[in-house]
Amino acid sequence: MLGSDGYPVPEVQRKNSYKVTCPICVSGDANMSVSKKGNWIVRCGTCSIILYLNSLQSINLFRGFQKVINDNPEYQVSHTQLIVENAPDIGQ
């Protein structure tokens, strides 16, 4: 979830760790952490991706995606439906 400043709202338990929406499977259980170098690392337990955001452009694109998903739940449903419909069959 994004705060009013456009950045993810931090989790209370861990410093520099945030709950975000996964850009691949659109799960709301992905975690984003900030490394010592200022890079963002997104980990999703649902689809098992690790996404490294190491430039201002990639971080801003990720923030924009989070805002689109949060502001438009209907788009989230259609986005997820299209991912499922176009997913390859096992073995492809």
C-alpha atoms as a PDB file:
ATOM      1  CA  MET A   1       0.000   0.000   0.000  1.00  0.00           C
ATOM      2  CA  LEU A   2       1.323   3.436  -0.899  1.00  0.00           C
ATOM      3  CA  GLY A   3       1.349   6.355   1.467  1.00  0.00           C
ATOM      4  CA  SER A   4       0.326   9.893   0.534  1.00  0.00           C
ATOM      5  CA  ASP A   5       3.919  10.635  -0.519  1.00  0.00           C
ATOM      6  CA  GLY A   6       3.840   7.826  -3.116  1.00  0.00           C
ATOM      7  CA  TYR A   7       6.183   5.493  -1.234  1.00  0.00           C
ATOM      8  CA  PRO A   8       5.130   2.125   0.234  1.00  0.00           C
ATOM      9  CA  VAL A   9       3.927   2.152   3.854  1.00  0.00           C
ATOM     10  CA  PRO A  10       6.545   0.432   6.053  1.00  0.00           C
ATOM     11  CA  GLU A  11       5.824  -2.722   8.002  1.00  0.00           C
ATOM     12  CA  VAL A  12       5.961  -2.138  11.739  1.00  0.00           C
ATOM     13  CA  GLN A  13       8.059  -5.207  12.550  1.00  0.00           C
ATOM     14  CA  ARG A  14      11.049  -4.563  10.291  1.00  0.00           C
ATOM     15  CA  LYS A  15      12.893  -1.363   9.503  1.00  0.00           C
ATOM     16  CA  ASN A  16      13.195  -0.580   5.775  1.00  0.00           C
ATOM     17  CA  SER A  17      10.787  -3.394   4.836  1.00  0.00           C
ATOM     18  CA  TYR A  18       7.464  -2.772   3.111  1.00  0.00           C
ATOM     19  CA  LYS A  19       4.410  -4.701   1.932  1.00  0.00           C
ATOM     20  CA  VAL A  20       3.837  -4.168  -1.788  1.00  0.00           C
ATOM     21  CA  THR A  21       1.858  -5.668  -4.655  1.00  0.00           C
ATOM     22  CA  CYS A  22       3.876  -8.088  -6.774  1.00  0.00           C
ATOM     23  CA  PRO A  23       4.171  -6.761 -10.351  1.00  0.00           C
ATOM     24  CA  ILE A  24       4.155 -10.309 -11.745  1.00  0.00           C
ATOM     25  CA  CYS A  25       1.370 -12.223  -9.962  1.00  0.00           C
ATOM     26  CA  VAL A  26      -0.318  -9.173  -8.349  1.00  0.00           C
ATOM     27  CA  SER A  27      -0.187 -10.805  -4.913  1.00  0.00           C
ATOM     28  CA  GLY A  28      -0.464  -8.346  -2.047  1.00  0.00           C
ATOM     29  CA  ASP A  29       1.991 -10.346   0.067  1.00  0.00           C
ATOM     30  CA  ALA A  30       5.234  -9.278  -1.632  1.00  0.00           C
ATOM     31  CA  ASN A  31       7.904  -7.614   0.489  1.00  0.00           C
ATOM     32  CA  MET A  32      10.097  -4.741  -0.607  1.00  0.00           C
ATOM     33  CA  SER A  33      13.257  -3.922   1.302  1.00  0.00           C
ATOM     34  CA  VAL A  34      15.775  -1.139   0.891  1.00  0.00           C
ATOM     35  CA  SER A  35      19.416  -2.220   0.696  1.00  0.00           C
ATOM     36  CA  LYS A  36      22.342  -0.301   2.180  1.00  0.00           C
ATOM     37  CA  LYS A  37      23.115   1.087  -1.291  1.00  0.00           C
ATOM     38  CA  GLY A  38      19.540   2.405  -1.674  1.00  0.00           C
ATOM     39  CA  ASN A  39      18.400  -0.263  -4.134  1.00  0.00           C
ATOM     40  CA  TRP A  40      14.935  -1.754  -3.722  1.00  0.00           C
ATOM     41  CA  ILE A  41      14.596  -5.535  -3.564  1.00  0.00           C
ATOM     42  CA  VAL A  42      11.115  -7.009  -4.105  1.00  0.00           C
ATOM     43  CA  ARG A  43      10.521 -10.625  -3.027  1.00  0.00           C
ATOM     44  CA  CYS A  44       7.256 -12.449  -3.641  1.00  0.00           C
ATOM     45  CA  GLY A  45       6.607 -15.740  -1.884  1.00  0.00           C
ATOM     46  CA  THR A  46       3.622 -16.496  -4.109  1.00  0.00           C
ATOM     47  CA  CYS A  47       5.427 -16.550  -7.461  1.00  0.00           C
ATOM     48  CA  SER A  48       8.990 -16.806  -6.059  1.00  0.00           C
ATOM     49  CA  ILE A  49      10.461 -13.806  -7.861  1.00  0.00           C
ATOM     50  CA  ILE A  50      13.218 -11.541  -6.665  1.00  0.00           C
ATOM     51  CA  LEU A  51      13.148  -8.186  -8.424  1.00  0.00           C
ATOM     52  CA  TYR A  52      16.098  -5.798  -8.077  1.00  0.00           C
ATOM     53  CA  LEU A  53      15.315  -2.136  -8.669  1.00  0.00           C
ATOM     54  CA  ASN A  54      18.667  -0.392  -8.866  1.00  0.00           C
ATOM     55  CA  SER A  55      17.966   2.812 -10.761  1.00  0.00           C
ATOM     56  CA  LEU A  56      15.715   5.792 -10.245  1.00  0.00           C
ATOM     57  CA  GLN A  57      13.786   4.922 -13.424  1.00  0.00           C
ATOM     58  CA  SER A  58      13.023   1.341 -12.336  1.00  0.00           C
ATOM     59  CA  ILE A  59      12.011   2.491  -8.852  1.00  0.00           C
ATOM     60  CA  ASN A  60       9.688   5.139 -10.307  1.00  0.00           C
ATOM     61  CA  LEU A  61       8.142   2.606 -12.735  1.00  0.00           C
ATOM     62  CA  PHE A  62       7.529   0.254  -9.807  1.00  0.00           C
ATOM     63  CA  ARG A  63       5.960   3.074  -7.778  1.00  0.00           C
ATOM     64  CA  GLY A  64       3.726   3.940 -10.740  1.00  0.00           C
ATOM     65  CA  PHE A  65       2.589   0.327 -11.057  1.00  0.00           C
ATOM     66  CA  GLN A  66       1.788   0.225  -7.331  1.00  0.00           C
ATOM     67  CA  LYS A  67      -0.301   3.393  -7.663  1.00  0.00           C
ATOM     68  CA  VAL A  68      -2.237   2.073 -10.690  1.00  0.00           C
ATOM     69  CA  ILE A  69      -3.034  -1.184  -8.871  1.00  0.00           C
ATOM     70  CA  ASN A  70      -4.029   0.573  -5.638  1.00  0.00           C
ATOM     71  CA  ASP A  71      -6.188   3.207  -7.347  1.00  0.00           C
ATOM     72  CA  ASN A  72      -8.033   0.845  -9.705  1.00  0.00           C
ATOM     73  CA  PRO A  73      -9.152  -2.517  -8.247  1.00  0.00           C
ATOM     74  CA  GLU A  74     -11.013  -3.368 -11.479  1.00  0.00           C
ATOM     75  CA  TYR A  75      -7.752  -3.101 -13.405  1.00  0.00           C
ATOM     76  CA  GLN A  76      -6.085  -5.401 -10.866  1.00  0.00           C
ATOM     77  CA  VAL A  77      -8.730  -8.055 -11.522  1.00  0.00           C
ATOM     78  CA  SER A  78      -8.442  -7.783 -15.317  1.00  0.00           C
ATOM     79  CA  HIS A  79      -4.614  -7.707 -15.132  1.00  0.00           C
ATOM     80  CA  THR A  80      -4.564 -10.880 -13.037  1.00  0.00           C
ATOM     81  CA  GLN A  81      -7.105 -12.562 -15.328  1.00  0.00           C
ATOM     82  CA  LEU A  82      -4.963 -11.814 -18.394  1.00  0.00           C
ATOM     83  CA  ILE A  83      -1.856 -13.204 -16.667  1.00  0.00           C
ATOM     84  CA  VAL A  84      -3.687 -16.435 -15.844  1.00  0.00           C
ATOM     85  CA  GLU A  85      -5.157 -16.740 -19.348  1.00  0.00           C
ATOM     86  CA  ASN A  86      -1.772 -16.227 -21.015  1.00  0.00           C
ATOM     87  CA  ALA A  87       0.312 -18.333 -18.655  1.00  0.00           C
ATOM     88  CA  PRO A  88       2.058 -21.228 -20.418  1.00  0.00           C
ATOM     89  CA  ASP A  89       0.895 -24.767 -19.742  1.00  0.00           C
ATOM     90  CA  ILE A  90       3.172 -26.981 -17.693  1.00  0.00           C
ATOM     91  CA  GLY A  91       5.911 -28.266 -19.960  1.00  0.00           C
ATOM     92  CA  GLN A  92       5.832 -25.394 -22.471  1.00  0.00           C
END
